[in-house]
Structure formats: C-alpha cells, structure tokens
Amino acid sequence: MVFNDVFDAELDQKERLSRPIPSGRVSRQNAALLGSILFAIAIVAAFQVSWLSVILALVITFAVLLYDSLAKHHPFFGSLNMGLCRGSNIFSSFRLAEMFTPCFHVSVEYRS
C-alpha cells in the first residue's frame, strides 16, 4: 500500500488530495523509506523460515513494485501481475502453515 501511494503521488495530487502524500502529512521520500523498510523486514523474516520463503518474499516484493509502478495501468498485465502477487502470498502462507503443523501419518495394515 505504501508504494502505491508513492507511485500515484502525482495522480493523487489531482484527484485525492486527502491522501497522506498529497495532503503533506507524509513526504514522498519518507513514504518510500517506510515501504523499503517494510519490504526489508519481510525479507529478513523470511530468512527465519527457509530459503524458499526468501525466494517467495523476493518474488512478492518484485511483483508488488512492478504492479504499483507499471502493470496496474495495463488491462491484461495488471490482472496477471496482481494474480502473481495474490498467488505468491497464498503459497507462502501454505508453506508457513506446513512448517508449523505437525504431520500425522496413518498406517494401514492389510491382513489377508
């Protein structure tokens, strides 16, 4: 959400003056800094889980920045890019749940 406001600052200056950047409550530079810090925290947190989580965090970060900067204005690639963002988030949630959920194996014995 932060980078959406950063990339849309000029448009929001014309259409949404109550948003944080156009209203002057937050500078564009401080918003970009906050967004970068949040991305960095997510990637560092992913290191605590696994390398696959790090890769997913990097893919999500790239996809979000691509969407906010360019893809959202394209009818096909915007939807495709948003699907990549959402799908990666869901996959990373499943991956995390898999790590913290005990696995139960059921043995079936066959007797003739």
PDB file of N, CA and C in Angstrom:
ATOM      1  N   MET A   1       0.814  -1.197   0.000  1.00  0.00           N
ATOM      2  CA  MET A   1       0.000   0.000   0.000  1.00  0.00           C
ATOM      3  C   MET A   1       0.857   1.260   0.000  1.00  0.00           C
ATOM      4  N   VAL A   2       1.991   1.219   0.671  1.00  0.00           N
ATOM      5  CA  VAL A   2       2.834   2.413   0.755  1.00  0.00           C
ATOM      6  C   VAL A   2       3.340   2.805  -0.626  1.00  0.00           C
ATOM      7  N   PHE A   3       3.868   1.843  -1.370  1.00  0.00           N
ATOM      8  CA  PHE A   3       4.423   2.173  -2.684  1.00  0.00           C
ATOM      9  C   PHE A   3       3.332   2.538  -3.684  1.00  0.00           C
ATOM     10  N   ASN A   4       2.121   2.083  -3.487  1.00  0.00           N
ATOM     11  CA  ASN A   4       1.011   2.518  -4.326  1.00  0.00           C
ATOM     12  C   ASN A   4       0.850   4.034  -4.199  1.00  0.00           C
ATOM     13  N   ASP A   5       0.923   4.543  -2.961  1.00  0.00           N
ATOM     14  CA  ASP A   5       0.824   5.990  -2.756  1.00  0.00           C
ATOM     15  C   ASP A   5       2.039   6.717  -3.317  1.00  0.00           C
ATOM     16  N   VAL A   6       3.216   6.116  -3.203  1.00  0.00           N
ATOM     17  CA  VAL A   6       4.437   6.743  -3.734  1.00  0.00           C
ATOM     18  C   VAL A   6       4.338   6.881  -5.247  1.00  0.00           C
ATOM     19  N   PHE A   7       3.961   5.806  -5.928  1.00  0.00           N
ATOM     20  CA  PHE A   7       3.904   5.839  -7.383  1.00  0.00           C
ATOM     21  C   PHE A   7       2.725   6.654  -7.913  1.00  0.00           C
ATOM     22  N   ASP A   8       1.665   6.795  -7.127  1.00  0.00           N
ATOM     23  CA  ASP A   8       0.483   7.544  -7.563  1.00  0.00           C
ATOM     24  C   ASP A   8       0.440   8.968  -7.018  1.00  0.00           C
ATOM     25  N   ALA A   9       1.543   9.476  -6.523  1.00  0.00           N
ATOM     26  CA  ALA A   9       1.538  10.793  -5.876  1.00  0.00           C
ATOM     27  C   ALA A   9       1.032  11.904  -6.803  1.00  0.00           C
ATOM     28  N   GLU A  10       1.464  11.897  -8.054  1.00  0.00           N
ATOM     29  CA  GLU A  10       1.023  12.957  -8.980  1.00  0.00           C
ATOM     30  C   GLU A  10      -0.476  12.863  -9.264  1.00  0.00           C
ATOM     31  N   LEU A  11      -0.952  11.642  -9.498  1.00  0.00           N
ATOM     32  CA  LEU A  11      -2.380  11.457  -9.752  1.00  0.00           C
ATOM     33  C   LEU A  11      -3.202  11.830  -8.514  1.00  0.00           C
ATOM     34  N   ASP A  12      -2.735  11.403  -7.350  1.00  0.00           N
ATOM     35  CA  ASP A  12      -3.447  11.729  -6.107  1.00  0.00           C
ATOM     36  C   ASP A  12      -3.443  13.230  -5.841  1.00  0.00           C
ATOM     37  N   GLN A  13      -2.414  13.940  -6.306  1.00  0.00           N
ATOM     38  CA  GLN A  13      -2.354  15.395  -6.143  1.00  0.00           C
ATOM     39  C   GLN A  13      -3.509  16.071  -6.879  1.00  0.00           C
ATOM     40  N   LYS A  14      -3.977  15.440  -7.957  1.00  0.00           N
ATOM     41  CA  LYS A  14      -5.084  15.990  -8.734  1.00  0.00           C
ATOM     42  C   LYS A  14      -6.437  15.459  -8.269  1.00  0.00           C
ATOM     43  N   GLU A  15      -6.484  14.168  -7.889  1.00  0.00           N
ATOM     44  CA  GLU A  15      -7.772  13.516  -7.656  1.00  0.00           C
ATOM     45  C   GLU A  15      -8.084  13.169  -6.201  1.00  0.00           C
ATOM     46  N   ARG A  16      -7.077  13.003  -5.378  1.00  0.00           N
ATOM     47  CA  ARG A  16      -7.305  12.559  -3.994  1.00  0.00           C
ATOM     48  C   ARG A  16      -6.431  13.362  -3.034  1.00  0.00           C
ATOM     49  N   LEU A  17      -6.775  14.593  -2.845  1.00  0.00           N
ATOM     50  CA  LEU A  17      -5.953  15.487  -2.030  1.00  0.00           C
ATOM     51  C   LEU A  17      -5.915  15.091  -0.550  1.00  0.00           C
ATOM     52  N   SER A  18      -6.830  14.241  -0.127  1.00  0.00           N
ATOM     53  CA  SER A  18      -6.843  13.844   1.288  1.00  0.00           C
ATOM     54  C   SER A  18      -5.863  12.716   1.595  1.00  0.00           C
ATOM     55  N   ARG A  19      -5.253  12.116   0.579  1.00  0.00           N
ATOM     56  CA  ARG A  19      -4.280  11.037   0.798  1.00  0.00           C
ATOM     57  C   ARG A  19      -3.055  11.597   1.520  1.00  0.00           C
ATOM     58  N   PRO A  20      -2.293  10.747   2.210  1.00  0.00           N
ATOM     59  CA  PRO A  20      -1.178  11.244   3.027  1.00  0.00           C
ATOM     60  C   PRO A  20      -0.118  12.067   2.284  1.00  0.00           C
ATOM     61  N   ILE A  21       0.304  11.628   1.091  1.00  0.00           N
ATOM     62  CA  ILE A  21       1.362  12.361   0.382  1.00  0.00           C
ATOM     63  C   ILE A  21       0.857  13.685  -0.190  1.00  0.00           C
ATOM     64  N   PRO A  22      -0.261  13.701  -0.939  1.00  0.00           N
ATOM     65  CA  PRO A  22      -0.721  14.988  -1.482  1.00  0.00           C
ATOM     66  C   PRO A  22      -1.131  16.001  -0.403  1.00  0.00           C
ATOM     67  N   SER A  23      -1.614  15.495   0.724  1.00  0.00           N
ATOM     68  CA  SER A  23      -2.035  16.419   1.790  1.00  0.00           C
ATOM     69  C   SER A  23      -0.849  16.995   2.551  1.00  0.00           C
ATOM     70  N   GLY A  24       0.337  16.424   2.337  1.00  0.00           N
ATOM     71  CA  GLY A  24       1.525  16.921   3.012  1.00  0.00           C
ATOM     72  C   GLY A  24       1.778  16.304   4.381  1.00  0.00           C
ATOM     73  N   ARG A  25       0.940  15.360   4.797  1.00  0.00           N
ATOM     74  CA  ARG A  25       1.157  14.708   6.099  1.00  0.00           C
ATOM     75  C   ARG A  25       2.394  13.826   6.077  1.00  0.00           C
ATOM     76  N   VAL A  26       2.723  13.280   4.889  1.00  0.00           N
ATOM     77  CA  VAL A  26       3.893  12.418   4.725  1.00  0.00           C
ATOM     78  C   VAL A  26       4.596  12.826   3.431  1.00  0.00           C
ATOM     79  N   SER A  27       5.923  12.922   3.480  1.00  0.00           N
ATOM     80  CA  SER A  27       6.646  13.232   2.243  1.00  0.00           C
ATOM     81  C   SER A  27       6.771  11.964   1.402  1.00  0.00           C
ATOM     82  N   ARG A  28       6.933  12.167   0.119  1.00  0.00           N
ATOM     83  CA  ARG A  28       7.093  11.026  -0.788  1.00  0.00           C
ATOM     84  C   ARG A  28       8.354  10.232  -0.437  1.00  0.00           C
ATOM     85  N   GLN A  29       9.414  10.930  -0.050  1.00  0.00           N
ATOM     86  CA  GLN A  29      10.664  10.269   0.326  1.00  0.00           C
ATOM     87  C   GLN A  29      10.485   9.432   1.596  1.00  0.00           C
ATOM     88  N   ASN A  30       9.792   9.968   2.590  1.00  0.00           N
ATOM     89  CA  ASN A  30       9.564   9.204   3.821  1.00  0.00           C
ATOM     90  C   ASN A  30       8.663   7.997   3.579  1.00  0.00           C
ATOM     91  N   ALA A  31       7.695   8.147   2.698  1.00  0.00           N
ATOM     92  CA  ALA A  31       6.840   7.010   2.361  1.00  0.00           C
ATOM     93  C   ALA A  31       7.649   5.914   1.670  1.00  0.00           C
ATOM     94  N   ALA A  32       8.524   6.308   0.745  1.00  0.00           N
ATOM     95  CA  ALA A  32       9.375   5.327   0.058  1.00  0.00           C
ATOM     96  C   ALA A  32      10.319   4.649   1.052  1.00  0.00           C
ATOM     97  N   LEU A  33      10.835   5.405   1.999  1.00  0.00           N
ATOM     98  CA  LEU A  33      11.701   4.833   3.026  1.00  0.00           C
ATOM     99  C   LEU A  33      10.935   3.828   3.875  1.00  0.00           C
ATOM    100  N   LEU A  34       9.728   4.190   4.301  1.00  0.00           N
ATOM    101  CA  LEU A  34       8.903   3.273   5.091  1.00  0.00           C
ATOM    102  C   LEU A  34       8.597   2.005   4.306  1.00  0.00           C
ATOM    103  N   GLY A  35       8.210   2.142   3.043  1.00  0.00           N
ATOM    104  CA  GLY A  35       7.926   0.969   2.214  1.00  0.00           C
ATOM    105  C   GLY A  35       9.141   0.072   2.076  1.00  0.00           C
ATOM    106  N   SER A  36      10.298   0.674   1.900  1.00  0.00           N
ATOM    107  CA  SER A  36      11.540  -0.106   1.775  1.00  0.00           C
ATOM    108  C   SER A  36      11.861  -0.839   3.076  1.00  0.00           C
ATOM    109  N   ILE A  37      11.666  -0.176   4.192  1.00  0.00           N
ATOM    110  CA  ILE A  37      11.902  -0.816   5.496  1.00  0.00           C
ATOM    111  C   ILE A  37      10.949  -1.992   5.693  1.00  0.00           C
ATOM    112  N   LEU A  38       9.691  -1.812   5.331  1.00  0.00           N
ATOM    113  CA  LEU A  38       8.716  -2.898   5.477  1.00  0.00           C
ATOM    114  C   LEU A  38       9.072  -4.086   4.587  1.00  0.00           C
ATOM    115  N   PHE A  39       9.494  -3.817   3.353  1.00  0.00           N
ATOM    116  CA  PHE A  39       9.940  -4.911   2.482  1.00  0.00           C
ATOM    117  C   PHE A  39      11.149  -5.620   3.083  1.00  0.00           C
ATOM    118  N   ALA A  40      12.098  -4.849   3.601  1.00  0.00           N
ATOM    119  CA  ALA A  40      13.301  -5.442   4.200  1.00  0.00           C
ATOM    120  C   ALA A  40      12.945  -6.314   5.402  1.00  0.00           C
ATOM    121  N   ILE A  41      12.028  -5.860   6.240  1.00  0.00           N
ATOM    122  CA  ILE A  41      11.592  -6.649   7.395  1.00  0.00           C
ATOM    123  C   ILE A  41      10.977  -7.964   6.930  1.00  0.00           C
ATOM    124  N   ALA A  42      10.165  -7.908   5.894  1.00  0.00           N
ATOM    125  CA  ALA A  42       9.535  -9.125   5.370  1.00  0.00           C
ATOM    126  C   ALA A  42      10.575 -10.111   4.854  1.00  0.00           C
ATOM    127  N   ILE A  43      11.582  -9.608   4.164  1.00  0.00           N
ATOM    128  CA  ILE A  43      12.615 -10.491   3.613  1.00  0.00           C
ATOM    129  C   ILE A  43      13.473 -11.076   4.726  1.00  0.00           C
ATOM    130  N   VAL A  44      13.820 -10.266   5.730  1.00  0.00           N
ATOM    131  CA  VAL A  44      14.588 -10.778   6.873  1.00  0.00           C
ATOM    132  C   VAL A  44      13.759 -11.816   7.639  1.00  0.00           C
ATOM    133  N   ALA A  45      12.479 -11.560   7.809  1.00  0.00           N
ATOM    134  CA  ALA A  45      11.612 -12.538   8.482  1.00  0.00           C
ATOM    135  C   ALA A  45      11.558 -13.842   7.690  1.00  0.00           C
ATOM    136  N   ALA A  46      11.553 -13.742   6.376  1.00  0.00           N
ATOM    137  CA  ALA A  46      11.530 -14.942   5.535  1.00  0.00           C
ATOM    138  C   ALA A  46      12.791 -15.778   5.730  1.00  0.00           C
ATOM    139  N   PHE A  47      13.925 -15.117   5.994  1.00  0.00           N
ATOM    140  CA  PHE A  47      15.168 -15.851   6.267  1.00  0.00           C
ATOM    141  C   PHE A  47      15.027 -16.745   7.493  1.00  0.00           C
ATOM    142  N   GLN A  48      14.150 -16.383   8.402  1.00  0.00           N
ATOM    143  CA  GLN A  48      13.953 -17.171   9.616  1.00  0.00           C
ATOM    144  C   GLN A  48      13.204 -18.469   9.336  1.00  0.00           C
ATOM    145  N   VAL A  49      12.571 -18.552   8.191  1.00  0.00           N
ATOM    146  CA  VAL A  49      11.751 -19.715   7.868  1.00  0.00           C
ATOM    147  C   VAL A  49      12.507 -20.679   6.961  1.00  0.00           C
ATOM    148  N   SER A  50      12.842 -20.251   5.754  1.00  0.00           N
ATOM    149  CA  SER A  50      13.544 -21.135   4.818  1.00  0.00           C
ATOM    150  C   SER A  50      13.987 -20.332   3.605  1.00  0.00           C
ATOM    151  N   TRP A  51      14.844 -20.949   2.789  1.00  0.00           N
ATOM    152  CA  TRP A  51      15.278 -20.306   1.552  1.00  0.00           C
ATOM    153  C   TRP A  51      14.112 -20.149   0.577  1.00  0.00           C
ATOM    154  N   LEU A  52      13.210 -21.113   0.571  1.00  0.00           N
ATOM    155  CA  LEU A  52      12.035 -20.983  -0.293  1.00  0.00           C
ATOM    156  C   LEU A  52      11.217 -19.760   0.112  1.00  0.00           C
ATOM    157  N   SER A  53      11.102 -19.519   1.401  1.00  0.00           N
ATOM    158  CA  SER A  53      10.373 -18.335   1.877  1.00  0.00           C
ATOM    159  C   SER A  53      11.068 -17.048   1.448  1.00  0.00           C
ATOM    160  N   VAL A  54      12.388 -17.040   1.456  1.00  0.00           N
ATOM    161  CA  VAL A  54      13.143 -15.869   1.000  1.00  0.00           C
ATOM    162  C   VAL A  54      12.865 -15.620  -0.480  1.00  0.00           C
ATOM    163  N   ILE A  55      12.910 -16.676  -1.266  1.00  0.00           N
ATOM    164  CA  ILE A  55      12.634 -16.539  -2.701  1.00  0.00           C
ATOM    165  C   ILE A  55      11.224 -16.013  -2.916  1.00  0.00           C
ATOM    166  N   LEU A  56      10.265 -16.558  -2.188  1.00  0.00           N
ATOM    167  CA  LEU A  56       8.880 -16.075  -2.305  1.00  0.00           C
ATOM    168  C   LEU A  56       8.768 -14.610  -1.893  1.00  0.00           C
ATOM    169  N   ALA A  57       9.440 -14.226  -0.823  1.00  0.00           N
ATOM    170  CA  ALA A  57       9.399 -12.828  -0.378  1.00  0.00           C
ATOM    171  C   ALA A  57       9.985 -11.901  -1.434  1.00  0.00           C
ATOM    172  N   LEU A  58      11.064 -12.327  -2.072  1.00  0.00           N
ATOM    173  CA  LEU A  58      11.665 -11.514  -3.134  1.00  0.00           C
ATOM    174  C   LEU A  58      10.752 -11.428  -4.356  1.00  0.00           C
ATOM    175  N   VAL A  59      10.117 -12.543  -4.710  1.00  0.00           N
ATOM    176  CA  VAL A  59       9.167 -12.546  -5.841  1.00  0.00           C
ATOM    177  C   VAL A  59       7.995 -11.620  -5.542  1.00  0.00           C
ATOM    178  N   ILE A  60       7.462 -11.706  -4.336  1.00  0.00           N
ATOM    179  CA  ILE A  60       6.329 -10.847  -3.958  1.00  0.00           C
ATOM    180  C   ILE A  60       6.748  -9.379  -3.982  1.00  0.00           C
ATOM    181  N   THR A  61       7.928  -9.079  -3.438  1.00  0.00           N
ATOM    182  CA  THR A  61       8.419  -7.695  -3.435  1.00  0.00           C
ATOM    183  C   THR A  61       8.537  -7.165  -4.859  1.00  0.00           C
ATOM    184  N   PHE A  62       9.157  -7.946  -5.738  1.00  0.00           N
ATOM    185  CA  PHE A  62       9.299  -7.536  -7.133  1.00  0.00           C
ATOM    186  C   PHE A  62       7.930  -7.359  -7.792  1.00  0.00           C
ATOM    187  N   ALA A  63       7.028  -8.311  -7.565  1.00  0.00           N
ATOM    188  CA  ALA A  63       5.701  -8.251  -8.192  1.00  0.00           C
ATOM    189  C   ALA A  63       4.909  -7.035  -7.719  1.00  0.00           C
ATOM    190  N   VAL A  64       4.993  -6.728  -6.435  1.00  0.00           N
ATOM    191  CA  VAL A  64       4.277  -5.562  -5.899  1.00  0.00           C
ATOM    192  C   VAL A  64       4.830  -4.274  -6.506  1.00  0.00           C
ATOM    193  N   LEU A  65       6.154  -4.152  -6.556  1.00  0.00           N
ATOM    194  CA  LEU A  65       6.749  -2.941  -7.135  1.00  0.00           C
ATOM    195  C   LEU A  65       6.431  -2.814  -8.620  1.00  0.00           C
ATOM    196  N   LEU A  66       6.457  -3.934  -9.344  1.00  0.00           N
ATOM    197  CA  LEU A  66       6.103  -3.914 -10.761  1.00  0.00           C
ATOM    198  C   LEU A  66       4.648  -3.496 -10.951  1.00  0.00           C
ATOM    199  N   TYR A  67       3.765  -4.041 -10.111  1.00  0.00           N
ATOM    200  CA  TYR A  67       2.345  -3.689 -10.217  1.00  0.00           C
ATOM    201  C   TYR A  67       2.133  -2.206  -9.922  1.00  0.00           C
ATOM    202  N   ASP A  68       2.673  -1.742  -8.805  1.00  0.00           N
ATOM    203  CA  ASP A  68       2.451  -0.348  -8.408  1.00  0.00           C
ATOM    204  C   ASP A  68       3.042   0.649  -9.395  1.00  0.00           C
ATOM    205  N   SER A  69       4.180   0.305 -10.000  1.00  0.00           N
ATOM    206  CA  SER A  69       4.835   1.264 -10.890  1.00  0.00           C
ATOM    207  C   SER A  69       4.297   1.234 -12.324  1.00  0.00           C
ATOM    208  N   LEU A  70       4.000   0.051 -12.851  1.00  0.00           N
ATOM    209  CA  LEU A  70       3.646  -0.042 -14.276  1.00  0.00           C
ATOM    210  C   LEU A  70       2.393  -0.853 -14.577  1.00  0.00           C
ATOM    211  N   ALA A  71       2.315  -2.053 -14.036  1.00  0.00           N
ATOM    212  CA  ALA A  71       1.341  -3.035 -14.517  1.00  0.00           C
ATOM    213  C   ALA A  71      -0.108  -2.667 -14.231  1.00  0.00           C
ATOM    214  N   LYS A  72      -0.377  -1.932 -13.158  1.00  0.00           N
ATOM    215  CA  LYS A  72      -1.779  -1.660 -12.820  1.00  0.00           C
ATOM    216  C   LYS A  72      -2.498  -0.842 -13.883  1.00  0.00           C
ATOM    217  N   HIS A  73      -1.753  -0.189 -14.740  1.00  0.00           N
ATOM    218  CA  HIS A  73      -2.364   0.617 -15.804  1.00  0.00           C
ATOM    219  C   HIS A  73      -2.583  -0.175 -17.084  1.00  0.00           C
ATOM    220  N   HIS A  74      -2.222  -1.453 -17.085  1.00  0.00           N
ATOM    221  CA  HIS A  74      -2.390  -2.295 -18.264  1.00  0.00           C
ATOM    222  C   HIS A  74      -3.485  -3.313 -17.977  1.00  0.00           C
ATOM    223  N   PRO A  75      -4.505  -3.415 -18.841  1.00  0.00           N
ATOM    224  CA  PRO A  75      -5.642  -4.291 -18.538  1.00  0.00           C
ATOM    225  C   PRO A  75      -5.288  -5.769 -18.399  1.00  0.00           C
ATOM    226  N   PHE A  76      -4.397  -6.288 -19.230  1.00  0.00           N
ATOM    227  CA  PHE A  76      -4.059  -7.706 -19.154  1.00  0.00           C
ATOM    228  C   PHE A  76      -2.950  -7.958 -18.132  1.00  0.00           C
ATOM    229  N   PHE A  77      -1.828  -7.250 -18.302  1.00  0.00           N
ATOM    230  CA  PHE A  77      -0.678  -7.499 -17.434  1.00  0.00           C
ATOM    231  C   PHE A  77      -0.937  -7.057 -15.994  1.00  0.00           C
ATOM    232  N   GLY A  78      -1.805  -6.084 -15.815  1.00  0.00           N
ATOM    233  CA  GLY A  78      -2.171  -5.675 -14.454  1.00  0.00           C
ATOM    234  C   GLY A  78      -2.857  -6.805 -13.705  1.00  0.00           C
ATOM    235  N   SER A  79      -3.805  -7.448 -14.367  1.00  0.00           N
ATOM    236  CA  SER A  79      -4.505  -8.578 -13.740  1.00  0.00           C
ATOM    237  C   SER A  79      -3.577  -9.764 -13.535  1.00  0.00           C
ATOM    238  N   LEU A  80      -2.739 -10.038 -14.520  1.00  0.00           N
ATOM    239  CA  LEU A  80      -1.781 -11.131 -14.404  1.00  0.00           C
ATOM    240  C   LEU A  80      -0.807 -10.883 -13.250  1.00  0.00           C
ATOM    241  N   ASN A  81      -0.309  -9.662 -13.156  1.00  0.00           N
ATOM    242  CA  ASN A  81       0.633  -9.298 -12.097  1.00  0.00           C
ATOM    243  C   ASN A  81      -0.033  -9.367 -10.723  1.00  0.00           C
ATOM    244  N   MET A  82      -1.267  -8.892 -10.619  1.00  0.00           N
ATOM    245  CA  MET A  82      -1.972  -8.964  -9.335  1.00  0.00           C
ATOM    246  C   MET A  82      -2.219 -10.419  -8.952  1.00  0.00           C
ATOM    247  N   GLY A  83      -2.508 -11.272  -9.920  1.00  0.00           N
ATOM    248  CA  GLY A  83      -2.661 -12.697  -9.650  1.00  0.00           C
ATOM    249  C   GLY A  83      -1.376 -13.304  -9.123  1.00  0.00           C
ATOM    250  N   LEU A  84      -0.241 -12.873  -9.673  1.00  0.00           N
ATOM    251  CA  LEU A  84       1.052 -13.338  -9.180  1.00  0.00           C
ATOM    252  C   LEU A  84       1.266 -12.908  -7.729  1.00  0.00           C
ATOM    253  N   CYS A  85       0.919 -11.671  -7.424  1.00  0.00           N
ATOM    254  CA  CYS A  85       1.039 -11.184  -6.038  1.00  0.00           C
ATOM    255  C   CYS A  85       0.173 -12.011  -5.089  1.00  0.00           C
ATOM    256  N   ARG A  86      -1.090 -12.157  -5.430  1.00  0.00           N
ATOM    257  CA  ARG A  86      -2.025 -12.891  -4.557  1.00  0.00           C
ATOM    258  C   ARG A  86      -1.653 -14.359  -4.446  1.00  0.00           C
ATOM    259  N   GLY A  87      -1.344 -14.973  -5.567  1.00  0.00           N
ATOM    260  CA  GLY A  87      -0.984 -16.387  -5.544  1.00  0.00           C
ATOM    261  C   GLY A  87       0.279 -16.651  -4.741  1.00  0.00           C
ATOM    262  N   SER A  88       1.270 -15.775  -4.869  1.00  0.00           N
ATOM    263  CA  SER A  88       2.503 -15.934  -4.097  1.00  0.00           C
ATOM    264  C   SER A  88       2.248 -15.786  -2.610  1.00  0.00           C
ATOM    265  N   ASN A  89       1.386 -14.844  -2.242  1.00  0.00           N
ATOM    266  CA  ASN A  89       1.025 -14.682  -0.827  1.00  0.00           C
ATOM    267  C   ASN A  89       0.342 -15.932  -0.284  1.00  0.00           C
ATOM    268  N   ILE A  90      -0.581 -16.479  -1.050  1.00  0.00           N
ATOM    269  CA  ILE A  90      -1.288 -17.688  -0.604  1.00  0.00           C
ATOM    270  C   ILE A  90      -0.315 -18.857  -0.494  1.00  0.00           C
ATOM    271  N   PHE A  91       0.542 -19.022  -1.491  1.00  0.00           N
ATOM    272  CA  PHE A  91       1.513 -20.117  -1.463  1.00  0.00           C
ATOM    273  C   PHE A  91       2.444 -19.981  -0.269  1.00  0.00           C
ATOM    274  N   SER A  92       2.912 -18.752   0.026  1.00  0.00           N
ATOM    275  CA  SER A  92       3.815 -18.572   1.166  1.00  0.00           C
ATOM    276  C   SER A  92       3.091 -18.858   2.479  1.00  0.00           C
ATOM    277  N   SER A  93       1.809 -18.557   2.560  1.00  0.00           N
ATOM    278  CA  SER A  93       1.031 -18.885   3.764  1.00  0.00           C
ATOM    279  C   SER A  93       0.908 -20.388   3.940  1.00  0.00           C
ATOM    280  N   PHE A  94       0.639 -21.094   2.849  1.00  0.00           N
ATOM    281  CA  PHE A  94       0.565 -22.559   2.925  1.00  0.00           C
ATOM    282  C   PHE A  94       1.905 -23.145   3.335  1.00  0.00           C
ATOM    283  N   ARG A  95       2.972 -22.594   2.803  1.00  0.00           N
ATOM    284  CA  ARG A  95       4.319 -23.075   3.117  1.00  0.00           C
ATOM    285  C   ARG A  95       4.619 -22.879   4.602  1.00  0.00           C
ATOM    286  N   LEU A  96       4.250 -21.732   5.137  1.00  0.00           N
ATOM    287  CA  LEU A  96       4.476 -21.450   6.554  1.00  0.00           C
ATOM    288  C   LEU A  96       3.618 -22.359   7.425  1.00  0.00           C
ATOM    289  N   ALA A  97       2.364 -22.547   7.052  1.00  0.00           N
ATOM    290  CA  ALA A  97       1.480 -23.424   7.815  1.00  0.00           C
ATOM    291  C   ALA A  97       1.999 -24.856   7.806  1.00  0.00           C
ATOM    292  N   GLU A  98       2.536 -25.278   6.683  1.00  0.00           N
ATOM    293  CA  GLU A  98       3.086 -26.633   6.568  1.00  0.00           C
ATOM    294  C   GLU A  98       4.240 -26.833   7.546  1.00  0.00           C
ATOM    295  N   MET A  99       5.034 -25.809   7.743  1.00  0.00           N
ATOM    296  CA  MET A  99       6.192 -25.928   8.633  1.00  0.00           C
ATOM    297  C   MET A  99       5.793 -26.024  10.109  1.00  0.00           C
ATOM    298  N   PHE A 100       4.685 -25.391  10.484  1.00  0.00           N
ATOM    299  CA  PHE A 100       4.300 -25.344  11.884  1.00  0.00           C
ATOM    300  C   PHE A 100       3.152 -26.269  12.251  1.00  0.00           C
ATOM    301  N   THR A 101       2.705 -27.052  11.303  1.00  0.00           N
ATOM    302  CA  THR A 101       1.628 -28.003  11.559  1.00  0.00           C
ATOM    303  C   THR A 101       2.226 -29.388  11.665  1.00  0.00           C
ATOM    304  N   PRO A 102       1.960 -30.074  12.785  1.00  0.00           N
ATOM    305  CA  PRO A 102       2.514 -31.426  12.903  1.00  0.00           C
ATOM    306  C   PRO A 102       1.924 -32.342  11.830  1.00  0.00           C
ATOM    307  N   CYS A 103       2.752 -33.182  11.323  1.00  0.00           N
ATOM    308  CA  CYS A 103       2.313 -34.137  10.311  1.00  0.00           C
ATOM    309  C   CYS A 103       1.899 -35.430  11.008  1.00  0.00           C
ATOM    310  N   PHE A 104       0.770 -35.908  10.651  1.00  0.00           N
ATOM    311  CA  PHE A 104       0.290 -37.163  11.192  1.00  0.00           C
ATOM    312  C   PHE A 104       0.242 -38.166  10.060  1.00  0.00           C
ATOM    313  N   HIS A 105       0.864 -39.274  10.262  1.00  0.00           N
ATOM    314  CA  HIS A 105       0.868 -40.323   9.252  1.00  0.00           C
ATOM    315  C   HIS A 105      -0.014 -41.457   9.747  1.00  0.00           C
ATOM    316  N   VAL A 106      -0.828 -41.924   8.884  1.00  0.00           N
ATOM    317  CA  VAL A 106      -1.722 -43.029   9.225  1.00  0.00           C
ATOM    318  C   VAL A 106      -1.188 -44.289   8.576  1.00  0.00           C
ATOM    319  N   SER A 107      -0.984 -45.280   9.381  1.00  0.00           N
ATOM    320  CA  SER A 107      -0.542 -46.566   8.852  1.00  0.00           C
ATOM    321  C   SER A 107      -1.760 -47.467   8.697  1.00  0.00           C
ATOM    322  N   VAL A 108      -1.834 -48.105   7.577  1.00  0.00           N
ATOM    323  CA  VAL A 108      -2.915 -49.045   7.324  1.00  0.00           C
ATOM    324  C   VAL A 108      -2.301 -50.431   7.195  1.00  0.00           C
ATOM    325  N   GLU A 109      -2.787 -51.312   7.992  1.00  0.00           N
ATOM    326  CA  GLU A 109      -2.252 -52.675   7.952  1.00  0.00           C
ATOM    327  C   GLU A 109      -3.233 -53.534   7.209  1.00  0.00           C
ATOM    328  N   TYR A 110      -2.725 -54.303   6.279  1.00  0.00           N
ATOM    329  CA  TYR A 110      -3.576 -55.180   5.494  1.00  0.00           C
ATOM    330  C   TYR A 110      -3.317 -56.613   5.912  1.00  0.00           C
ATOM    331  N   ARG A 111      -4.387 -57.295   6.266  1.00  0.00           N
ATOM    332  CA  ARG A 111      -4.276 -58.707   6.636  1.00  0.00           C
ATOM    333  C   ARG A 111      -5.171 -59.512   5.713  1.00  0.00           C
ATOM    334  N   SER A 112      -4.623 -60.588   5.212  1.00  0.00           N
ATOM    335  CA  SER A 112      -5.435 -61.430   4.338  1.00  0.00           C
ATOM    336  C   SER A 112      -5.925 -62.663   5.055  1.00  0.00           C
TER     337      SER A 112
END
